[in-house]
Amino acid sequence: MEYSAETVAQRESEKQQHGEVAQIMSSKEESESGMGQQSSDAVAQDVKVNLRLEECAKRMEQCANYAASLDAQIKLKLEECASGMERSANYAAFKDARIKLKMEEYADVMEQAKVEIVCVRRGENS
């Protein structure tokens, strides 16, 4: 089967058009692929930024927790100090009470000794 020169030229023209369309489609797909890559890069960048923000927030939370634990330790130490001061005051009051009792006992013993001395001098038996 022989084709006329006009038919051959027409077919060549169609092939060329199909080739150009294929090239255009290929270029469009490459462009979309590039856009997809750029989109993926942007998403990856966003993920990195979000991770950094989460790390920063986590560090801030750790700092806040550390500060809270320091506050708690300081409060405990202050309470221990106050408790120690209270014990010291109680001990001092207890010591004063013992000293007063000893002084009263001494005064009683001295009074009793005086009475005994007076009785002996008078010749009385107690």
PDB file of N, CA and C in Angstrom:
ATOM      1  N   MET A   1       0.830  -1.152   0.000  1.00  0.00           N
ATOM      2  CA  MET A   1       0.000   0.000   0.000  1.00  0.00           C
ATOM      3  C   MET A   1       0.891   1.237   0.000  1.00  0.00           C
ATOM      4  N   GLU A   2       0.644   2.048  -1.003  1.00  0.00           N
ATOM      5  CA  GLU A   2       1.438   3.238  -1.150  1.00  0.00           C
ATOM      6  C   GLU A   2       0.628   4.444  -0.733  1.00  0.00           C
ATOM      7  N   TYR A   3       1.362   5.364  -0.083  1.00  0.00           N
ATOM      8  CA  TYR A   3       0.699   6.582   0.374  1.00  0.00           C
ATOM      9  C   TYR A   3       1.150   7.735  -0.504  1.00  0.00           C
ATOM     10  N   SER A   4       0.251   8.634  -0.672  1.00  0.00           N
ATOM     11  CA  SER A   4       0.609   9.805  -1.469  1.00  0.00           C
ATOM     12  C   SER A   4       1.520  10.690  -0.629  1.00  0.00           C
ATOM     13  N   ALA A   5       2.233  11.530  -1.292  1.00  0.00           N
ATOM     14  CA  ALA A   5       3.158  12.434  -0.617  1.00  0.00           C
ATOM     15  C   ALA A   5       2.411  13.320   0.356  1.00  0.00           C
ATOM     16  N   GLU A   6       1.200  13.683  -0.014  1.00  0.00           N
ATOM     17  CA  GLU A   6       0.403  14.527   0.858  1.00  0.00           C
ATOM     18  C   GLU A   6       0.036  13.779   2.138  1.00  0.00           C
ATOM     19  N   THR A   7      -0.331  12.506   2.044  1.00  0.00           N
ATOM     20  CA  THR A   7      -0.701  11.686   3.205  1.00  0.00           C
ATOM     21  C   THR A   7       0.507  11.490   4.097  1.00  0.00           C
ATOM     22  N   VAL A   8       1.645  11.218   3.490  1.00  0.00           N
ATOM     23  CA  VAL A   8       2.874  11.036   4.267  1.00  0.00           C
ATOM     24  C   VAL A   8       3.209  12.323   4.994  1.00  0.00           C
ATOM     25  N   ALA A   9       3.079  13.434   4.348  1.00  0.00           N
ATOM     26  CA  ALA A   9       3.381  14.724   4.976  1.00  0.00           C
ATOM     27  C   ALA A   9       2.408  14.996   6.112  1.00  0.00           C
ATOM     28  N   GLN A  10       1.137  14.647   5.881  1.00  0.00           N
ATOM     29  CA  GLN A  10       0.138  14.860   6.922  1.00  0.00           C
ATOM     30  C   GLN A  10       0.436  13.989   8.139  1.00  0.00           C
ATOM     31  N   ARG A  11       0.796  12.729   7.879  1.00  0.00           N
ATOM     32  CA  ARG A  11       1.126  11.828   8.987  1.00  0.00           C
ATOM     33  C   ARG A  11       2.367  12.312   9.742  1.00  0.00           C
ATOM     34  N   GLU A  12       3.336  12.795   9.045  1.00  0.00           N
ATOM     35  CA  GLU A  12       4.546  13.337   9.674  1.00  0.00           C
ATOM     36  C   GLU A  12       4.187  14.534  10.541  1.00  0.00           C
ATOM     37  N   SER A  13       3.289  15.355  10.036  1.00  0.00           N
ATOM     38  CA  SER A  13       2.858  16.527  10.780  1.00  0.00           C
ATOM     39  C   SER A  13       2.135  16.098  12.064  1.00  0.00           C
ATOM     40  N   GLU A  14       1.278  15.065  11.932  1.00  0.00           N
ATOM     41  CA  GLU A  14       0.562  14.556  13.104  1.00  0.00           C
ATOM     42  C   GLU A  14       1.539  13.991  14.130  1.00  0.00           C
ATOM     43  N   LYS A  15       2.542  13.230  13.663  1.00  0.00           N
ATOM     44  CA  LYS A  15       3.555  12.665  14.565  1.00  0.00           C
ATOM     45  C   LYS A  15       4.296  13.775  15.296  1.00  0.00           C
ATOM     46  N   GLN A  16       4.632  14.786  14.519  1.00  0.00           N
ATOM     47  CA  GLN A  16       5.355  15.912  15.119  1.00  0.00           C
ATOM     48  C   GLN A  16       4.481  16.600  16.169  1.00  0.00           C
ATOM     49  N   GLN A  17       3.204  16.786  15.878  1.00  0.00           N
ATOM     50  CA  GLN A  17       2.295  17.411  16.840  1.00  0.00           C
ATOM     51  C   GLN A  17       2.165  16.536  18.095  1.00  0.00           C
ATOM     52  N   HIS A  18       2.013  15.214  17.859  1.00  0.00           N
ATOM     53  CA  HIS A  18       1.918  14.295  19.006  1.00  0.00           C
ATOM     54  C   HIS A  18       3.194  14.356  19.841  1.00  0.00           C
ATOM     55  N   GLY A  19       4.342  14.455  19.187  1.00  0.00           N
ATOM     56  CA  GLY A  19       5.627  14.560  19.895  1.00  0.00           C
ATOM     57  C   GLY A  19       5.692  15.839  20.718  1.00  0.00           C
ATOM     58  N   GLU A  20       5.231  16.953  20.113  1.00  0.00           N
ATOM     59  CA  GLU A  20       5.230  18.223  20.843  1.00  0.00           C
ATOM     60  C   GLU A  20       4.285  18.166  22.035  1.00  0.00           C
ATOM     61  N   VAL A  21       3.104  17.542  21.834  1.00  0.00           N
ATOM     62  CA  VAL A  21       2.145  17.393  22.934  1.00  0.00           C
ATOM     63  C   VAL A  21       2.772  16.531  24.036  1.00  0.00           C
ATOM     64  N   ALA A  22       3.452  15.454  23.613  1.00  0.00           N
ATOM     65  CA  ALA A  22       4.100  14.569  24.594  1.00  0.00           C
ATOM     66  C   ALA A  22       5.174  15.336  25.360  1.00  0.00           C
ATOM     67  N   GLN A  23       5.936  16.170  24.649  1.00  0.00           N
ATOM     68  CA  GLN A  23       6.957  16.963  25.323  1.00  0.00           C
ATOM     69  C   GLN A  23       6.328  17.956  26.300  1.00  0.00           C
ATOM     70  N   ILE A  24       5.246  18.578  25.842  1.00  0.00           N
ATOM     71  CA  ILE A  24       4.551  19.528  26.717  1.00  0.00           C
ATOM     72  C   ILE A  24       4.023  18.803  27.952  1.00  0.00           C
ATOM     73  N   MET A  25       3.421  17.619  27.740  1.00  0.00           N
ATOM     74  CA  MET A  25       2.888  16.838  28.874  1.00  0.00           C
ATOM     75  C   MET A  25       4.026  16.448  29.809  1.00  0.00           C
ATOM     76  N   SER A  26       5.143  16.038  29.214  1.00  0.00           N
ATOM     77  CA  SER A  26       6.299  15.638  30.019  1.00  0.00           C
ATOM     78  C   SER A  26       6.820  16.820  30.831  1.00  0.00           C
ATOM     79  N   SER A  27       6.913  17.983  30.179  1.00  0.00           N
ATOM     80  CA  SER A  27       7.375  19.188  30.872  1.00  0.00           C
ATOM     81  C   SER A  27       6.421  19.559  32.001  1.00  0.00           C
ATOM     82  N   LYS A  28       5.128  19.407  31.726  1.00  0.00           N
ATOM     83  CA  LYS A  28       4.128  19.724  32.744  1.00  0.00           C
ATOM     84  C   LYS A  28       4.277  18.761  33.933  1.00  0.00           C
ATOM     85  N   GLU A  29       4.471  17.471  33.653  1.00  0.00           N
ATOM     86  CA  GLU A  29       4.636  16.479  34.723  1.00  0.00           C
ATOM     87  C   GLU A  29       5.905  16.767  35.529  1.00  0.00           C
ATOM     88  N   GLU A  30       6.984  17.111  34.837  1.00  0.00           N
ATOM     89  CA  GLU A  30       8.222  17.462  35.532  1.00  0.00           C
ATOM     90  C   GLU A  30       8.011  18.675  36.429  1.00  0.00           C
ATOM     91  N   SER A  31       7.279  19.663  35.882  1.00  0.00           N
ATOM     92  CA  SER A  31       7.007  20.866  36.655  1.00  0.00           C
ATOM     93  C   SER A  31       6.175  20.521  37.888  1.00  0.00           C
ATOM     94  N   GLU A  32       5.148  19.692  37.708  1.00  0.00           N
ATOM     95  CA  GLU A  32       4.318  19.283  38.837  1.00  0.00           C
ATOM     96  C   GLU A  32       5.138  18.480  39.846  1.00  0.00           C
ATOM     97  N   SER A  33       6.032  17.637  39.290  1.00  0.00           N
ATOM     98  CA  SER A  33       6.904  16.851  40.164  1.00  0.00           C
ATOM     99  C   SER A  33       7.816  17.773  40.965  1.00  0.00           C
ATOM    100  N   GLY A  34       8.329  18.808  40.286  1.00  0.00           N
ATOM    101  CA  GLY A  34       9.167  19.794  40.974  1.00  0.00           C
ATOM    102  C   GLY A  34       8.375  20.545  42.029  1.00  0.00           C
ATOM    103  N   MET A  35       7.129  20.889  41.684  1.00  0.00           N
ATOM    104  CA  MET A  35       6.272  21.572  42.657  1.00  0.00           C
ATOM    105  C   MET A  35       5.993  20.646  43.833  1.00  0.00           C
ATOM    106  N   GLY A  36       5.781  19.368  43.514  1.00  0.00           N
ATOM    107  CA  GLY A  36       5.560  18.391  44.590  1.00  0.00           C
ATOM    108  C   GLY A  36       6.774  18.288  45.489  1.00  0.00           C
ATOM    109  N   GLN A  37       7.953  18.323  44.872  1.00  0.00           N
ATOM    110  CA  GLN A  37       9.193  18.271  45.658  1.00  0.00           C
ATOM    111  C   GLN A  37       9.308  19.521  46.526  1.00  0.00           C
ATOM    112  N   GLN A  38       9.004  20.679  45.932  1.00  0.00           N
ATOM    113  CA  GLN A  38       9.048  21.912  46.715  1.00  0.00           C
ATOM    114  C   GLN A  38       8.040  21.858  47.847  1.00  0.00           C
ATOM    115  N   SER A  39       6.870  21.314  47.563  1.00  0.00           N
ATOM    116  CA  SER A  39       5.843  21.174  48.597  1.00  0.00           C
ATOM    117  C   SER A  39       6.340  20.242  49.699  1.00  0.00           C
ATOM    118  N   SER A  40       6.971  19.132  49.296  1.00  0.00           N
ATOM    119  CA  SER A  40       7.517  18.189  50.279  1.00  0.00           C
ATOM    120  C   SER A  40       8.609  18.851  51.101  1.00  0.00           C
ATOM    121  N   ASP A  41       9.446  19.651  50.449  1.00  0.00           N
ATOM    122  CA  ASP A  41      10.503  20.372  51.169  1.00  0.00           C
ATOM    123  C   ASP A  41       9.900  21.345  52.172  1.00  0.00           C
ATOM    124  N   ALA A  42       8.840  22.034  51.762  1.00  0.00           N
ATOM    125  CA  ALA A  42       8.182  22.985  52.658  1.00  0.00           C
ATOM    126  C   ALA A  42       7.576  22.259  53.848  1.00  0.00           C
ATOM    127  N   VAL A  43       6.954  21.106  53.595  1.00  0.00           N
ATOM    128  CA  VAL A  43       6.375  20.310  54.687  1.00  0.00           C
ATOM    129  C   VAL A  43       7.475  19.850  55.627  1.00  0.00           C
ATOM    130  N   ALA A  44       8.594  19.377  55.064  1.00  0.00           N
ATOM    131  CA  ALA A  44       9.713  18.940  55.894  1.00  0.00           C
ATOM    132  C   ALA A  44      10.244  20.100  56.729  1.00  0.00           C
ATOM    133  N   GLN A  45      10.329  21.269  56.113  1.00  0.00           N
ATOM    134  CA  GLN A  45      10.799  22.461  56.838  1.00  0.00           C
ATOM    135  C   GLN A  45       9.836  22.799  57.974  1.00  0.00           C
ATOM    136  N   ASP A  46       8.522  22.729  57.694  1.00  0.00           N
ATOM    137  CA  ASP A  46       7.521  22.984  58.736  1.00  0.00           C
ATOM    138  C   ASP A  46       7.646  21.985  59.875  1.00  0.00           C
ATOM    139  N   VAL A  47       7.871  20.724  59.526  1.00  0.00           N
ATOM    140  CA  VAL A  47       8.028  19.685  60.550  1.00  0.00           C
ATOM    141  C   VAL A  47       9.237  20.009  61.422  1.00  0.00           C
ATOM    142  N   LYS A  48      10.348  20.410  60.791  1.00  0.00           N
ATOM    143  CA  LYS A  48      11.546  20.766  61.568  1.00  0.00           C
ATOM    144  C   LYS A  48      11.269  21.940  62.500  1.00  0.00           C
ATOM    145  N   VAL A  49      10.584  22.954  61.988  1.00  0.00           N
ATOM    146  CA  VAL A  49      10.262  24.126  62.800  1.00  0.00           C
ATOM    147  C   VAL A  49       9.364  23.719  63.964  1.00  0.00           C
ATOM    148  N   ASN A  50       8.347  22.897  63.674  1.00  0.00           N
ATOM    149  CA  ASN A  50       7.444  22.440  64.738  1.00  0.00           C
ATOM    150  C   ASN A  50       8.189  21.630  65.786  1.00  0.00           C
ATOM    151  N   LEU A  51       9.110  20.767  65.331  1.00  0.00           N
ATOM    152  CA  LEU A  51       9.900  19.980  66.287  1.00  0.00           C
ATOM    153  C   LEU A  51      10.758  20.890  67.153  1.00  0.00           C
ATOM    154  N   ARG A  52      11.354  21.907  66.553  1.00  0.00           N
ATOM    155  CA  ARG A  52      12.169  22.848  67.329  1.00  0.00           C
ATOM    156  C   ARG A  52      11.319  23.601  68.340  1.00  0.00           C
ATOM    157  N   LEU A  53      10.119  23.989  67.918  1.00  0.00           N
ATOM    158  CA  LEU A  53       9.213  24.679  68.842  1.00  0.00           C
ATOM    159  C   LEU A  53       8.820  23.756  69.988  1.00  0.00           C
ATOM    160  N   GLU A  54       8.551  22.482  69.672  1.00  0.00           N
ATOM    161  CA  GLU A  54       8.193  21.521  70.721  1.00  0.00           C
ATOM    162  C   GLU A  54       9.366  21.305  71.675  1.00  0.00           C
ATOM    163  N   GLU A  55      10.587  21.212  71.119  1.00  0.00           N
ATOM    164  CA  GLU A  55      11.776  21.067  71.965  1.00  0.00           C
ATOM    165  C   GLU A  55      11.922  22.274  72.889  1.00  0.00           C
ATOM    166  N   CYS A  56      11.714  23.452  72.317  1.00  0.00           N
ATOM    167  CA  CYS A  56      11.827  24.685  73.100  1.00  0.00           C
ATOM    168  C   CYS A  56      10.781  24.685  74.209  1.00  0.00           C
ATOM    169  N   ALA A  57       9.545  24.319  73.864  1.00  0.00           N
ATOM    170  CA  ALA A  57       8.475  24.282  74.865  1.00  0.00           C
ATOM    171  C   ALA A  57       8.801  23.255  75.943  1.00  0.00           C
ATOM    172  N   LYS A  58       9.351  22.118  75.515  1.00  0.00           N
ATOM    173  CA  LYS A  58       9.718  21.072  76.474  1.00  0.00           C
ATOM    174  C   LYS A  58      10.808  21.574  77.420  1.00  0.00           C
ATOM    175  N   ARG A  59      11.790  22.275  76.869  1.00  0.00           N
ATOM    176  CA  ARG A  59      12.860  22.833  77.703  1.00  0.00           C
ATOM    177  C   ARG A  59      12.307  23.868  78.680  1.00  0.00           C
ATOM    178  N   MET A  60      11.380  24.692  78.187  1.00  0.00           N
ATOM    179  CA  MET A  60      10.770  25.695  79.061  1.00  0.00           C
ATOM    180  C   MET A  60      10.004  25.012  80.187  1.00  0.00           C
ATOM    181  N   GLU A  61       9.305  23.924  79.839  1.00  0.00           N
ATOM    182  CA  GLU A  61       8.563  23.172  80.862  1.00  0.00           C
ATOM    183  C   GLU A  61       9.530  22.561  81.872  1.00  0.00           C
ATOM    184  N   GLN A  62      10.660  22.032  81.372  1.00  0.00           N
ATOM    185  CA  GLN A  62      11.664  21.472  82.277  1.00  0.00           C
ATOM    186  C   GLN A  62      12.215  22.560  83.190  1.00  0.00           C
ATOM    187  N   CYS A  63      12.459  23.744  82.622  1.00  0.00           N
ATOM    188  CA  CYS A  63      12.957  24.860  83.441  1.00  0.00           C
ATOM    189  C   CYS A  63      11.936  25.235  84.500  1.00  0.00           C
ATOM    190  N   ALA A  64      10.663  25.277  84.104  1.00  0.00           N
ATOM    191  CA  ALA A  64       9.601  25.617  85.057  1.00  0.00           C
ATOM    192  C   ALA A  64       9.516  24.562  86.153  1.00  0.00           C
ATOM    193  N   ASN A  65       9.616  23.285  85.749  1.00  0.00           N
ATOM    194  CA  ASN A  65       9.573  22.205  86.743  1.00  0.00           C
ATOM    195  C   ASN A  65      10.773  22.295  87.679  1.00  0.00           C
ATOM    196  N   TYR A  66      11.945  22.616  87.122  1.00  0.00           N
ATOM    197  CA  TYR A  66      13.147  22.739  87.944  1.00  0.00           C
ATOM    198  C   TYR A  66      13.001  23.898  88.933  1.00  0.00           C
ATOM    199  N   ALA A  67      12.466  25.026  88.439  1.00  0.00           N
ATOM    200  CA  ALA A  67      12.254  26.182  89.308  1.00  0.00           C
ATOM    201  C   ALA A  67      11.261  25.841  90.411  1.00  0.00           C
ATOM    202  N   ALA A  68      10.201  25.099  90.044  1.00  0.00           N
ATOM    203  CA  ALA A  68       9.200  24.699  91.046  1.00  0.00           C
ATOM    204  C   ALA A  68       9.838  23.788  92.085  1.00  0.00           C
ATOM    205  N   SER A  69      10.720  22.875  91.631  1.00  0.00           N
ATOM    206  CA  SER A  69      11.373  21.984  92.600  1.00  0.00           C
ATOM    207  C   SER A  69      12.320  22.770  93.499  1.00  0.00           C
ATOM    208  N   LEU A  70      12.987  23.783  92.931  1.00  0.00           N
ATOM    209  CA  LEU A  70      13.854  24.631  93.769  1.00  0.00           C
ATOM    210  C   LEU A  70      13.029  25.388  94.799  1.00  0.00           C
ATOM    211  N   ASP A  71      11.889  25.940  94.359  1.00  0.00           N
ATOM    212  CA  ASP A  71      11.003  26.633  95.297  1.00  0.00           C
ATOM    213  C   ASP A  71      10.560  25.698  96.408  1.00  0.00           C
ATOM    214  N   ALA A  72      10.203  24.459  96.020  1.00  0.00           N
ATOM    215  CA  ALA A  72       9.759  23.486  97.017  1.00  0.00           C
ATOM    216  C   ALA A  72      10.884  23.183  97.998  1.00  0.00           C
ATOM    217  N   GLN A  73      12.111  23.023  97.484  1.00  0.00           N
ATOM    218  CA  GLN A  73      13.253  22.739  98.356  1.00  0.00           C
ATOM    219  C   GLN A  73      13.504  23.906  99.305  1.00  0.00           C
ATOM    220  N   ILE A  74      13.411  25.116  98.772  1.00  0.00           N
ATOM    221  CA  ILE A  74      13.639  26.299  99.616  1.00  0.00           C
ATOM    222  C   ILE A  74      12.576  26.379 100.700  1.00  0.00           C
ATOM    223  N   LYS A  75      11.307  26.125 100.324  1.00  0.00           N
ATOM    224  CA  LYS A  75      10.230  26.163 101.313  1.00  0.00           C
ATOM    225  C   LYS A  75      10.452  25.103 102.381  1.00  0.00           C
ATOM    226  N   LEU A  76      10.870  23.896 101.945  1.00  0.00           N
ATOM    227  CA  LEU A  76      11.140  22.832 102.924  1.00  0.00           C
ATOM    228  C   LEU A  76      12.262  23.248 103.868  1.00  0.00           C
ATOM    229  N   LYS A  77      13.314  23.842 103.318  1.00  0.00           N
ATOM    230  CA  LYS A  77      14.429  24.269 104.168  1.00  0.00           C
ATOM    231  C   LYS A  77      13.985  25.356 105.137  1.00  0.00           C
ATOM    232  N   LEU A  78      13.137  26.281 104.649  1.00  0.00           N
ATOM    233  CA  LEU A  78      12.621  27.321 105.539  1.00  0.00           C
ATOM    234  C   LEU A  78      11.763  26.703 106.638  1.00  0.00           C
ATOM    235  N   GLU A  79      10.925  25.721 106.266  1.00  0.00           N
ATOM    236  CA  GLU A  79      10.093  25.051 107.263  1.00  0.00           C
ATOM    237  C   GLU A  79      10.961  24.296 108.276  1.00  0.00           C
ATOM    238  N   GLU A  80      12.012  23.623 107.762  1.00  0.00           N
ATOM    239  CA  GLU A  80      12.930  22.926 108.664  1.00  0.00           C
ATOM    240  C   GLU A  80      13.594  23.915 109.616  1.00  0.00           C
ATOM    241  N   CYS A  81      13.993  25.051 109.068  1.00  0.00           N
ATOM    242  CA  CYS A  81      14.636  26.080 109.886  1.00  0.00           C
ATOM    243  C   CYS A  81      13.661  26.582 110.951  1.00  0.00           C
ATOM    244  N   ALA A  82      12.421  26.863 110.521  1.00  0.00           N
ATOM    245  CA  ALA A  82      11.415  27.332 111.479  1.00  0.00           C
ATOM    246  C   ALA A  82      11.155  26.266 112.531  1.00  0.00           C
ATOM    247  N   SER A  83      11.086  25.020 112.091  1.00  0.00           N
ATOM    248  CA  SER A  83      10.871  23.914 113.030  1.00  0.00           C
ATOM    249  C   SER A  83      12.042  23.811 113.997  1.00  0.00           C
ATOM    250  N   GLY A  84      13.253  23.973 113.470  1.00  0.00           N
ATOM    251  CA  GLY A  84      14.448  23.953 114.321  1.00  0.00           C
ATOM    252  C   GLY A  84      14.430  25.096 115.318  1.00  0.00           C
ATOM    253  N   MET A  85      14.001  26.271 114.841  1.00  0.00           N
ATOM    254  CA  MET A  85      13.913  27.424 115.750  1.00  0.00           C
ATOM    255  C   MET A  85      12.877  27.159 116.835  1.00  0.00           C
ATOM    256  N   GLU A  86      11.756  26.547 116.442  1.00  0.00           N
ATOM    257  CA  GLU A  86      10.704  26.232 117.406  1.00  0.00           C
ATOM    258  C   GLU A  86      11.232  25.221 118.436  1.00  0.00           C
ATOM    259  N   ARG A  87      11.960  24.221 117.936  1.00  0.00           N
ATOM    260  CA  ARG A  87      12.547  23.237 118.864  1.00  0.00           C
ATOM    261  C   ARG A  87      13.528  23.923 119.803  1.00  0.00           C
ATOM    262  N   SER A  88      14.319  24.841 119.243  1.00  0.00           N
ATOM    263  CA  SER A  88      15.281  25.564 120.078  1.00  0.00           C
ATOM    264  C   SER A  88      14.558  26.372 121.151  1.00  0.00           C
ATOM    265  N   ALA A  89      13.481  27.035 120.749  1.00  0.00           N
ATOM    266  CA  ALA A  89      12.702  27.825 121.712  1.00  0.00           C
ATOM    267  C   ALA A  89      12.094  26.903 122.770  1.00  0.00           C
ATOM    268  N   ASN A  90      11.563  25.768 122.318  1.00  0.00           N
ATOM    269  CA  ASN A  90      10.993  24.803 123.269  1.00  0.00           C
ATOM    270  C   ASN A  90      12.066  24.277 124.212  1.00  0.00           C
ATOM    271  N   TYR A  91      13.239  23.973 123.653  1.00  0.00           N
ATOM    272  CA  TYR A  91      14.336  23.465 124.482  1.00  0.00           C
ATOM    273  C   TYR A  91      14.768  24.525 125.490  1.00  0.00           C
ATOM    274  N   ALA A  92      14.852  25.783 125.032  1.00  0.00           N
ATOM    275  CA  ALA A  92      15.240  26.874 125.935  1.00  0.00           C
ATOM    276  C   ALA A  92      14.203  27.026 127.046  1.00  0.00           C
ATOM    277  N   ALA A  93      12.919  26.954 126.689  1.00  0.00           N
ATOM    278  CA  ALA A  93      11.863  27.058 127.705  1.00  0.00           C
ATOM    279  C   ALA A  93      11.962  25.889 128.682  1.00  0.00           C
ATOM    280  N   PHE A  94      12.210  24.695 128.143  1.00  0.00           N
ATOM    281  CA  PHE A  94      12.359  23.509 128.995  1.00  0.00           C
ATOM    282  C   PHE A  94      13.551  23.670 129.932  1.00  0.00           C
ATOM    283  N   LYS A  95      14.654  24.161 129.383  1.00  0.00           N
ATOM    284  CA  LYS A  95      15.857  24.360 130.195  1.00  0.00           C
ATOM    285  C   LYS A  95      15.596  25.403 131.293  1.00  0.00           C
ATOM    286  N   ASP A  96      14.922  26.497 130.919  1.00  0.00           N
ATOM    287  CA  ASP A  96      14.564  27.515 131.922  1.00  0.00           C
ATOM    288  C   ASP A  96      13.692  26.909 133.013  1.00  0.00           C
ATOM    289  N   ALA A  97      12.729  26.097 132.620  1.00  0.00           N
ATOM    290  CA  ALA A  97      11.848  25.465 133.604  1.00  0.00           C
ATOM    291  C   ALA A  97      12.654  24.577 134.538  1.00  0.00           C
ATOM    292  N   ARG A  98      13.588  23.810 134.000  1.00  0.00           N
ATOM    293  CA  ARG A  98      14.420  22.933 134.842  1.00  0.00           C
ATOM    294  C   ARG A  98      15.272  23.752 135.800  1.00  0.00           C
ATOM    295  N   ILE A  99      15.821  24.841 135.271  1.00  0.00           N
ATOM    296  CA  ILE A  99      16.647  25.707 136.132  1.00  0.00           C
ATOM    297  C   ILE A  99      15.794  26.277 137.261  1.00  0.00           C
ATOM    298  N   LYS A 100      14.570  26.722 136.910  1.00  0.00           N
ATOM    299  CA  LYS A 100      13.676  27.258 137.938  1.00  0.00           C
ATOM    300  C   LYS A 100      13.338  26.187 138.972  1.00  0.00           C
ATOM    301  N   LEU A 101      13.058  24.969 138.512  1.00  0.00           N
ATOM    302  CA  LEU A 101      12.768  23.880 139.442  1.00  0.00           C
ATOM    303  C   LEU A 101      13.961  23.602 140.349  1.00  0.00           C
ATOM    304  N   LYS A 102      15.144  23.565 139.772  1.00  0.00           N
ATOM    305  CA  LYS A 102      16.340  23.316 140.572  1.00  0.00           C
ATOM    306  C   LYS A 102      16.543  24.432 141.591  1.00  0.00           C
ATOM    307  N   MET A 103      16.275  25.673 141.160  1.00  0.00           N
ATOM    308  CA  MET A 103      16.411  26.798 142.094  1.00  0.00           C
ATOM    309  C   MET A 103      15.380  26.683 143.211  1.00  0.00           C
ATOM    310  N   GLU A 104      14.150  26.277 142.856  1.00  0.00           N
ATOM    311  CA  GLU A 104      13.119  26.108 143.882  1.00  0.00           C
ATOM    312  C   GLU A 104      13.487  24.954 144.832  1.00  0.00           C
ATOM    313  N   GLU A 105      13.987  23.847 144.227  1.00  0.00           N
ATOM    314  CA  GLU A 105      14.420  22.725 145.066  1.00  0.00           C
ATOM    315  C   GLU A 105      15.542  23.170 145.992  1.00  0.00           C
ATOM    316  N   TYR A 106      16.485  23.934 145.452  1.00  0.00           N
ATOM    317  CA  TYR A 106      17.606  24.433 146.251  1.00  0.00           C
ATOM    318  C   TYR A 106      17.093  25.336 147.368  1.00  0.00           C
ATOM    319  N   ALA A 107      16.139  26.199 147.000  1.00  0.00           N
ATOM    320  CA  ALA A 107      15.567  27.097 148.014  1.00  0.00           C
ATOM    321  C   ALA A 107      14.856  26.280 149.087  1.00  0.00           C
ATOM    322  N   ASP A 108      14.117  25.248 148.683  1.00  0.00           N
ATOM    323  CA  ASP A 108      13.448  24.377 149.661  1.00  0.00           C
ATOM    324  C   ASP A 108      14.468  23.668 150.545  1.00  0.00           C
ATOM    325  N   VAL A 109      15.515  23.145 149.933  1.00  0.00           N
ATOM    326  CA  VAL A 109      16.558  22.454 150.703  1.00  0.00           C
ATOM    327  C   VAL A 109      17.214  23.440 151.662  1.00  0.00           C
ATOM    328  N   MET A 110      17.497  24.635 151.166  1.00  0.00           N
ATOM    329  CA  MET A 110      18.127  25.646 152.028  1.00  0.00           C
ATOM    330  C   MET A 110      17.192  26.034 153.168  1.00  0.00           C
ATOM    331  N   GLU A 111      15.909  26.170 152.875  1.00  0.00           N
ATOM    332  CA  GLU A 111      14.935  26.512 153.901  1.00  0.00           C
ATOM    333  C   GLU A 111      14.856  25.387 154.933  1.00  0.00           C
ATOM    334  N   GLN A 112      14.864  24.174 154.441  1.00  0.00           N
ATOM    335  CA  GLN A 112      14.814  23.027 155.332  1.00  0.00           C
ATOM    336  C   GLN A 112      16.083  22.965 156.184  1.00  0.00           C
ATOM    337  N   ALA A 113      17.219  23.266 155.538  1.00  0.00           N
ATOM    338  CA  ALA A 113      18.485  23.262 156.271  1.00  0.00           C
ATOM    339  C   ALA A 113      18.467  24.338 157.354  1.00  0.00           C
ATOM    340  N   LYS A 114      17.924  25.488 157.061  1.00  0.00           N
ATOM    341  CA  LYS A 114      17.841  26.562 158.050  1.00  0.00           C
ATOM    342  C   LYS A 114      16.977  26.127 159.240  1.00  0.00           C
ATOM    343  N   VAL A 115      15.858  25.509 158.888  1.00  0.00           N
ATOM    344  CA  VAL A 115      14.948  25.051 159.944  1.00  0.00           C
ATOM    345  C   VAL A 115      15.666  24.023 160.823  1.00  0.00           C
ATOM    346  N   GLU A 116      16.403  23.114 160.176  1.00  0.00           N
ATOM    347  CA  GLU A 116      17.105  22.085 160.944  1.00  0.00           C
ATOM    348  C   GLU A 116      18.194  22.725 161.811  1.00  0.00           C
ATOM    349  N   ILE A 117      18.880  23.698 161.258  1.00  0.00           N
ATOM    350  CA  ILE A 117      19.931  24.373 162.032  1.00  0.00           C
ATOM    351  C   ILE A 117      19.314  25.079 163.225  1.00  0.00           C
ATOM    352  N   VAL A 118      18.227  25.779 163.022  1.00  0.00           N
ATOM    353  CA  VAL A 118      17.551  26.495 164.105  1.00  0.00           C
ATOM    354  C   VAL A 118      17.070  25.492 165.158  1.00  0.00           C
ATOM    355  N   CYS A 119      16.526  24.396 164.711  1.00  0.00           N
ATOM    356  CA  CYS A 119      16.013  23.378 165.639  1.00  0.00           C
ATOM    357  C   CYS A 119      17.140  22.775 166.462  1.00  0.00           C
ATOM    358  N   VAL A 120      18.288  22.521 165.832  1.00  0.00           N
ATOM    359  CA  VAL A 120      19.423  21.936 166.532  1.00  0.00           C
ATOM    360  C   VAL A 120      19.933  22.924 167.570  1.00  0.00           C
ATOM    361  N   ARG A 121      19.986  24.171 167.227  1.00  0.00           N
ATOM    362  CA  ARG A 121      20.462  25.192 168.166  1.00  0.00           C
ATOM    363  C   ARG A 121      19.502  25.323 169.340  1.00  0.00           C
ATOM    364  N   ARG A 122      18.241  25.174 169.112  1.00  0.00           N
ATOM    365  CA  ARG A 122      17.278  25.273 170.206  1.00  0.00           C
ATOM    366  C   ARG A 122      17.169  23.961 170.971  1.00  0.00           C
ATOM    367  N   GLY A 123      17.672  22.926 170.359  1.00  0.00           N
ATOM    368  CA  GLY A 123      17.600  21.645 171.008  1.00  0.00           C
ATOM    369  C   GLY A 123      16.325  20.901 170.690  1.00  0.00           C
ATOM    370  N   GLU A 124      15.639  21.304 169.658  1.00  0.00           N
ATOM    371  CA  GLU A 124      14.433  20.620 169.245  1.00  0.00           C
ATOM    372  C   GLU A 124      14.756  19.569 168.218  1.00  0.00           C
ATOM    373  N   ASN A 125      13.951  18.532 168.164  1.00  0.00           N
ATOM    374  CA  ASN A 125      14.099  17.526 167.110  1.00  0.00           C
ATOM    375  C   ASN A 125      13.025  17.792 166.071  1.00  0.00           C
ATOM    376  N   SER A 126      13.440  17.679 164.876  1.00  0.00           N
ATOM    377  CA  SER A 126      12.442  17.946 163.843  1.00  0.00           C
ATOM    378  C   SER A 126      11.629  16.751 163.518  1.00  0.00           C
TER     379      SER A 126
END
